[in-house]
Amino acid sequence: MPQTRGRIFDDFASLMTNAAGVANGVKREAETAVRSQVERILAGMNVVTREEFEAVRDMAALAREENDELRRRIVALEAGTAAGH
């Protein structure tokens, strides 16, 4: 009887291991299917990539810095013109 009980536990453990493997495979397949659907939907939405967004963000920051510098130069020129009159 003890050998039978041990065999039953071994069979049960093997069954659980196999079930876990199948569940993991199903999980991977579901993740792949969802990822494919999301990529397809995003491609149809004309969404920008992270690289494109970061490039435009960097360009905007540079333009802002240039505008600030130009604003300071204009203020200085106006102050010089006002002082000259």
N, C-alpha and C. Protein backbone atom coordinates (compact mmCIF):
# COMPACT_ATOMS: atom_id res chain seq x y z
N MET A 1 0.81 -1.21 0.00
CA MET A 1 0.00 0.00 0.00
C MET A 1 0.85 1.28 0.00
N PRO A 2 1.97 1.38 0.76
CA PRO A 2 2.78 2.57 0.74
C PRO A 2 3.35 2.85 -0.65
N GLN A 3 3.72 1.78 -1.40
CA GLN A 3 4.23 2.01 -2.74
C GLN A 3 3.14 2.57 -3.65
N THR A 4 1.94 2.11 -3.48
CA THR A 4 0.82 2.60 -4.29
C THR A 4 0.58 4.07 -3.99
N ARG A 5 0.62 4.41 -2.72
CA ARG A 5 0.40 5.80 -2.34
C ARG A 5 1.51 6.69 -2.92
N GLY A 6 2.76 6.24 -2.86
CA GLY A 6 3.87 6.99 -3.43
C GLY A 6 3.71 7.14 -4.93
N ARG A 7 3.27 6.10 -5.57
CA ARG A 7 3.07 6.14 -7.03
C ARG A 7 1.96 7.13 -7.39
N ILE A 8 0.91 7.14 -6.59
CA ILE A 8 -0.19 8.08 -6.83
C ILE A 8 0.31 9.52 -6.69
N PHE A 9 1.11 9.78 -5.67
CA PHE A 9 1.66 11.13 -5.49
C PHE A 9 2.59 11.50 -6.64
N ASP A 10 3.41 10.53 -7.09
CA ASP A 10 4.30 10.79 -8.23
C ASP A 10 3.49 11.10 -9.48
N ASP A 11 2.42 10.32 -9.71
CA ASP A 11 1.57 10.56 -10.89
C ASP A 11 0.89 11.92 -10.78
N PHE A 12 0.42 12.25 -9.59
CA PHE A 12 -0.23 13.54 -9.38
C PHE A 12 0.75 14.70 -9.61
N ALA A 13 1.97 14.55 -9.09
CA ALA A 13 2.99 15.59 -9.27
C ALA A 13 3.33 15.74 -10.74
N SER A 14 3.42 14.63 -11.45
CA SER A 14 3.70 14.68 -12.89
C SER A 14 2.57 15.36 -13.63
N LEU A 15 1.34 15.06 -13.26
CA LEU A 15 0.17 15.68 -13.88
C LEU A 15 0.17 17.19 -13.64
N MET A 16 0.50 17.62 -12.43
CA MET A 16 0.54 19.05 -12.11
C MET A 16 1.66 19.74 -12.89
N THR A 17 2.81 19.08 -13.00
CA THR A 17 3.92 19.65 -13.77
C THR A 17 3.53 19.83 -15.22
N ASN A 18 2.89 18.82 -15.79
CA ASN A 18 2.44 18.92 -17.18
C ASN A 18 1.38 20.01 -17.35
N ALA A 19 0.46 20.10 -16.40
CA ALA A 19 -0.58 21.13 -16.46
C ALA A 19 0.03 22.52 -16.38
N ALA A 20 1.05 22.69 -15.54
CA ALA A 20 1.72 23.98 -15.41
C ALA A 20 2.42 24.34 -16.72
N GLY A 21 3.02 23.34 -17.36
CA GLY A 21 3.68 23.58 -18.64
C GLY A 21 2.68 23.99 -19.72
N VAL A 22 1.54 23.32 -19.75
CA VAL A 22 0.50 23.67 -20.72
C VAL A 22 -0.03 25.07 -20.44
N ALA A 23 -0.25 25.39 -19.18
CA ALA A 23 -0.75 26.72 -18.81
C ALA A 23 0.25 27.80 -19.20
N ASN A 24 1.53 27.53 -19.02
CA ASN A 24 2.56 28.49 -19.39
C ASN A 24 2.57 28.69 -20.91
N GLY A 25 2.40 27.62 -21.66
CA GLY A 25 2.34 27.72 -23.12
C GLY A 25 1.14 28.52 -23.58
N VAL A 26 0.00 28.31 -22.95
CA VAL A 26 -1.21 29.06 -23.28
C VAL A 26 -1.01 30.54 -22.97
N LYS A 27 -0.37 30.81 -21.84
CA LYS A 27 -0.09 32.20 -21.45
C LYS A 27 0.78 32.88 -22.50
N ARG A 28 1.84 32.20 -22.94
CA ARG A 28 2.73 32.78 -23.97
C ARG A 28 1.98 33.03 -25.27
N GLU A 29 1.15 32.09 -25.67
CA GLU A 29 0.37 32.26 -26.90
C GLU A 29 -0.59 33.44 -26.78
N ALA A 30 -1.24 33.57 -25.62
CA ALA A 30 -2.18 34.69 -25.41
C ALA A 30 -1.42 36.02 -25.44
N GLU A 31 -0.26 36.08 -24.80
CA GLU A 31 0.52 37.32 -24.81
C GLU A 31 0.94 37.69 -26.23
N THR A 32 1.35 36.70 -27.01
CA THR A 32 1.75 36.95 -28.40
C THR A 32 0.57 37.45 -29.22
N ALA A 33 -0.59 36.85 -29.03
CA ALA A 33 -1.78 37.26 -29.77
C ALA A 33 -2.19 38.69 -29.40
N VAL A 34 -2.16 39.00 -28.12
CA VAL A 34 -2.53 40.34 -27.67
C VAL A 34 -1.53 41.36 -28.19
N ARG A 35 -0.24 41.04 -28.11
CA ARG A 35 0.80 41.95 -28.60
C ARG A 35 0.61 42.23 -30.09
N SER A 36 0.31 41.20 -30.87
CA SER A 36 0.09 41.38 -32.30
C SER A 36 -1.11 42.27 -32.57
N GLN A 37 -2.19 42.06 -31.84
CA GLN A 37 -3.38 42.89 -32.02
C GLN A 37 -3.11 44.35 -31.67
N VAL A 38 -2.41 44.58 -30.56
CA VAL A 38 -2.11 45.94 -30.13
C VAL A 38 -1.21 46.63 -31.16
N GLU A 39 -0.20 45.91 -31.66
CA GLU A 39 0.67 46.49 -32.69
C GLU A 39 -0.11 46.83 -33.94
N ARG A 40 -1.04 45.96 -34.34
CA ARG A 40 -1.85 46.21 -35.53
C ARG A 40 -2.74 47.44 -35.33
N ILE A 41 -3.34 47.55 -34.15
CA ILE A 41 -4.22 48.70 -33.86
C ILE A 41 -3.41 49.99 -33.84
N LEU A 42 -2.25 49.96 -33.17
CA LEU A 42 -1.42 51.16 -33.10
C LEU A 42 -0.91 51.57 -34.48
N ALA A 43 -0.59 50.61 -35.32
CA ALA A 43 -0.12 50.93 -36.67
C ALA A 43 -1.21 51.66 -37.45
N GLY A 44 -2.45 51.30 -37.24
CA GLY A 44 -3.56 51.95 -37.92
C GLY A 44 -3.92 53.30 -37.35
N MET A 45 -3.40 53.63 -36.16
CA MET A 45 -3.75 54.88 -35.49
C MET A 45 -2.77 56.01 -35.80
N ASN A 46 -1.72 55.72 -36.57
CA ASN A 46 -0.74 56.74 -36.92
C ASN A 46 -0.10 57.35 -35.67
N VAL A 47 0.35 56.49 -34.76
CA VAL A 47 0.98 56.90 -33.51
C VAL A 47 2.48 57.05 -33.74
N VAL A 48 3.07 58.08 -33.16
CA VAL A 48 4.51 58.28 -33.33
C VAL A 48 5.29 57.32 -32.44
N THR A 49 6.50 57.02 -32.86
CA THR A 49 7.36 56.16 -32.05
C THR A 49 8.02 56.99 -30.96
N ARG A 50 8.57 56.32 -29.98
CA ARG A 50 9.26 57.00 -28.89
C ARG A 50 10.44 57.80 -29.45
N GLU A 51 11.16 57.23 -30.41
CA GLU A 51 12.31 57.92 -30.99
C GLU A 51 11.87 59.20 -31.68
N GLU A 52 10.77 59.15 -32.43
CA GLU A 52 10.26 60.35 -33.10
C GLU A 52 9.85 61.40 -32.07
N PHE A 53 9.16 60.97 -31.03
CA PHE A 53 8.72 61.89 -29.98
C PHE A 53 9.91 62.56 -29.32
N GLU A 54 10.93 61.77 -28.97
CA GLU A 54 12.10 62.33 -28.30
C GLU A 54 12.86 63.29 -29.20
N ALA A 55 12.92 63.00 -30.50
CA ALA A 55 13.60 63.90 -31.44
C ALA A 55 12.88 65.25 -31.50
N VAL A 56 11.55 65.22 -31.58
CA VAL A 56 10.78 66.47 -31.64
C VAL A 56 10.88 67.21 -30.31
N ARG A 57 10.86 66.48 -29.21
CA ARG A 57 11.00 67.11 -27.89
C ARG A 57 12.34 67.83 -27.78
N ASP A 58 13.41 67.20 -28.25
CA ASP A 58 14.74 67.81 -28.21
C ASP A 58 14.79 69.05 -29.10
N MET A 59 14.16 68.98 -30.27
CA MET A 59 14.12 70.14 -31.17
C MET A 59 13.36 71.29 -30.52
N ALA A 60 12.26 70.99 -29.85
CA ALA A 60 11.48 72.03 -29.18
C ALA A 60 12.28 72.67 -28.04
N ALA A 61 13.02 71.88 -27.29
CA ALA A 61 13.84 72.42 -26.20
C ALA A 61 14.92 73.35 -26.76
N LEU A 62 15.54 72.95 -27.86
CA LEU A 62 16.56 73.80 -28.49
C LEU A 62 15.94 75.10 -28.99
N ALA A 63 14.77 75.01 -29.62
CA ALA A 63 14.09 76.22 -30.12
C ALA A 63 13.73 77.14 -28.96
N ARG A 64 13.30 76.58 -27.83
CA ARG A 64 12.96 77.38 -26.65
C ARG A 64 14.20 78.11 -26.14
N GLU A 65 15.34 77.42 -26.09
CA GLU A 65 16.58 78.06 -25.65
C GLU A 65 16.98 79.19 -26.59
N GLU A 66 16.86 78.95 -27.89
CA GLU A 66 17.20 79.99 -28.87
C GLU A 66 16.27 81.19 -28.73
N ASN A 67 14.98 80.94 -28.51
CA ASN A 67 14.03 82.04 -28.32
C ASN A 67 14.36 82.85 -27.07
N ASP A 68 14.73 82.17 -25.99
CA ASP A 68 15.11 82.88 -24.76
C ASP A 68 16.33 83.76 -25.00
N GLU A 69 17.32 83.24 -25.73
CA GLU A 69 18.51 84.02 -26.03
C GLU A 69 18.16 85.23 -26.90
N LEU A 70 17.33 85.03 -27.90
CA LEU A 70 16.92 86.15 -28.76
C LEU A 70 16.14 87.20 -27.96
N ARG A 71 15.29 86.74 -27.05
CA ARG A 71 14.52 87.66 -26.22
C ARG A 71 15.46 88.52 -25.37
N ARG A 72 16.52 87.89 -24.78
CA ARG A 72 17.49 88.64 -23.98
C ARG A 72 18.22 89.67 -24.85
N ARG A 73 18.57 89.30 -26.06
CA ARG A 73 19.28 90.23 -26.95
C ARG A 73 18.38 91.40 -27.34
N ILE A 74 17.11 91.13 -27.59
CA ILE A 74 16.17 92.21 -27.94
C ILE A 74 16.02 93.17 -26.78
N VAL A 75 15.86 92.63 -25.57
CA VAL A 75 15.73 93.48 -24.37
C VAL A 75 16.99 94.34 -24.22
N ALA A 76 18.16 93.74 -24.43
CA ALA A 76 19.40 94.51 -24.31
C ALA A 76 19.48 95.60 -25.38
N LEU A 77 19.11 95.27 -26.62
CA LEU A 77 19.12 96.27 -27.69
C LEU A 77 18.13 97.40 -27.43
N GLU A 78 16.95 97.04 -26.95
CA GLU A 78 15.95 98.08 -26.64
C GLU A 78 16.43 98.96 -25.50
N ALA A 79 17.07 98.36 -24.53
CA ALA A 79 17.59 99.15 -23.42
C ALA A 79 18.68 100.08 -23.90
N GLY A 80 19.53 99.62 -24.80
CA GLY A 80 20.58 100.47 -25.36
C GLY A 80 20.01 101.58 -26.21
N THR A 81 18.98 101.32 -26.97
CA THR A 81 18.34 102.32 -27.80
C THR A 81 17.65 103.36 -26.93
N ALA A 82 16.98 102.94 -25.89
CA ALA A 82 16.28 103.85 -25.00
C ALA A 82 17.28 104.74 -24.26
N ALA A 83 18.42 104.21 -23.90
CA ALA A 83 19.42 104.97 -23.18
C ALA A 83 20.07 106.01 -24.11
N GLY A 84 20.11 105.71 -25.40
CA GLY A 84 20.72 106.61 -26.36
C GLY A 84 19.86 107.78 -26.71
N HIS A 85 18.58 107.75 -26.44
CA HIS A 85 17.67 108.86 -26.77
C HIS A 85 17.56 109.85 -25.69
